[in-house]
Amino acid sequence: MKTIAVSARAKTLNDLLEKARRGAVVLESADGQRFALTAVNDWEGFDVGMSNDFADEVERTGSNKKLLKSLAVRRKGVRGKGIPLADVKKQLGIE
């Protein structure tokens, strides 16, 4: 995933970001493709490389101790607290 800094002068984009602060927004392009825009709090990214070899990617991901620890902590903290897929689809208007 790539992070792009948004200039304070980008009024339209900043208006969309403000709406996303209040709740998830689905953007629909002229050709009908949809994109989700939502606030991501406490997001932590992990680089696993840019290999074209899937086996290499799997090996790098599986040996990333920081990533695995983060996943274990998250998994432990959300058991039984998830949102049903049907509810997510309804919120996003993808029924």
Protein backbone atom coordinates (compact mmCIF):
# COMPACT_ATOMS: atom_id res chain seq x y z
CA MET A 1 0.00 0.00 0.00
CA LYS A 2 1.31 3.41 -0.88
CA THR A 3 0.93 6.50 1.33
CA ILE A 4 0.35 9.79 -0.50
CA ALA A 5 0.57 13.13 1.34
CA VAL A 6 -2.34 15.44 0.53
CA SER A 7 -1.58 19.13 0.20
CA ALA A 8 -3.61 21.55 2.30
CA ARG A 9 -4.43 23.32 -1.00
CA ALA A 10 -6.24 20.26 -2.43
CA LYS A 11 -9.70 21.48 -1.39
CA THR A 12 -11.82 18.76 -3.01
CA LEU A 13 -9.64 15.96 -1.66
CA ASN A 14 -9.54 17.51 1.81
CA ASP A 15 -13.35 17.79 1.75
CA LEU A 16 -13.52 14.05 1.03
CA LEU A 17 -11.04 13.30 3.81
CA GLU A 18 -13.18 15.32 6.22
CA LYS A 19 -16.22 13.23 5.26
CA ALA A 20 -14.17 10.05 5.81
CA ARG A 21 -13.28 11.28 9.31
CA ARG A 22 -16.99 11.17 10.14
CA GLY A 23 -17.59 7.77 8.52
CA ALA A 24 -16.54 5.54 5.65
CA VAL A 25 -17.12 6.90 2.16
CA VAL A 26 -17.47 4.90 -1.07
CA LEU A 27 -16.15 6.77 -4.11
CA GLU A 28 -17.48 5.71 -7.51
CA SER A 29 -15.53 6.57 -10.65
CA ALA A 30 -17.12 7.52 -13.97
CA ASP A 31 -16.68 3.93 -15.17
CA GLY A 32 -18.46 2.54 -12.09
CA GLN A 33 -15.47 1.25 -10.15
CA ARG A 34 -15.83 1.75 -6.40
CA PHE A 35 -13.19 2.66 -3.83
CA ALA A 36 -13.49 2.78 -0.03
CA LEU A 37 -12.15 5.81 1.81
CA THR A 38 -12.05 5.50 5.57
CA ALA A 39 -9.96 6.68 8.50
CA VAL A 40 -7.28 4.21 9.55
CA ASN A 41 -6.34 4.74 13.17
CA ASP A 42 -3.20 3.19 14.61
CA TRP A 43 -2.29 1.75 11.21
CA GLU A 44 1.02 -0.02 10.98
CA GLY A 45 2.47 -1.14 7.66
CA PHE A 46 4.97 -3.90 7.04
CA ASP A 47 7.26 -4.20 4.03
CA VAL A 48 7.59 -7.73 2.71
CA GLY A 49 9.43 -6.82 -0.46
CA MET A 50 8.56 -6.49 -4.12
CA SER A 51 9.39 -9.94 -5.46
CA ASN A 52 7.61 -11.49 -8.44
CA ASP A 53 8.17 -14.86 -6.80
CA PHE A 54 5.16 -15.76 -4.64
CA ALA A 55 7.11 -18.35 -2.64
CA ASP A 56 9.67 -15.66 -1.79
CA GLU A 57 6.89 -13.31 -0.66
CA VAL A 58 5.39 -16.03 1.55
CA GLU A 59 8.78 -16.78 3.08
CA ARG A 60 9.50 -13.10 3.77
CA THR A 61 6.06 -12.56 5.29
CA GLY A 62 6.31 -15.67 7.48
CA SER A 63 9.73 -14.63 8.79
CA ASN A 64 8.72 -11.05 9.61
CA LYS A 65 8.64 -11.35 13.41
CA LYS A 66 7.27 -7.84 13.94
CA LEU A 67 4.36 -8.54 11.58
CA LEU A 68 3.57 -11.91 13.13
CA LYS A 69 3.62 -10.45 16.64
CA SER A 70 1.32 -7.62 15.55
CA LEU A 71 -1.12 -10.10 13.97
CA ALA A 72 -1.15 -12.26 17.10
CA VAL A 73 -1.93 -9.24 19.31
CA ARG A 74 -4.70 -8.07 16.98
CA ARG A 75 -6.21 -11.55 16.71
CA LYS A 76 -6.26 -11.91 20.49
CA GLY A 77 -7.92 -8.51 20.97
CA VAL A 78 -10.79 -8.94 18.49
CA ARG A 79 -12.06 -12.45 19.07
CA GLY A 80 -15.85 -12.31 19.13
CA LYS A 81 -15.90 -8.55 18.43
CA GLY A 82 -16.02 -8.67 14.63
CA ILE A 83 -18.66 -7.16 12.37
CA PRO A 84 -20.69 -9.64 10.30
CA LEU A 85 -19.89 -9.49 6.58
CA ALA A 86 -23.54 -8.80 5.76
CA ASP A 87 -23.41 -5.66 7.95
CA VAL A 88 -20.23 -4.44 6.25
CA LYS A 89 -21.77 -4.95 2.81
CA LYS A 90 -24.88 -3.07 3.90
CA GLN A 91 -22.80 -0.16 5.24
CA LEU A 92 -20.87 0.02 1.98
CA GLY A 93 -23.97 -0.37 -0.18
CA ILE A 94 -22.69 -3.61 -1.73
CA GLU A 95 -25.67 -5.89 -1.34
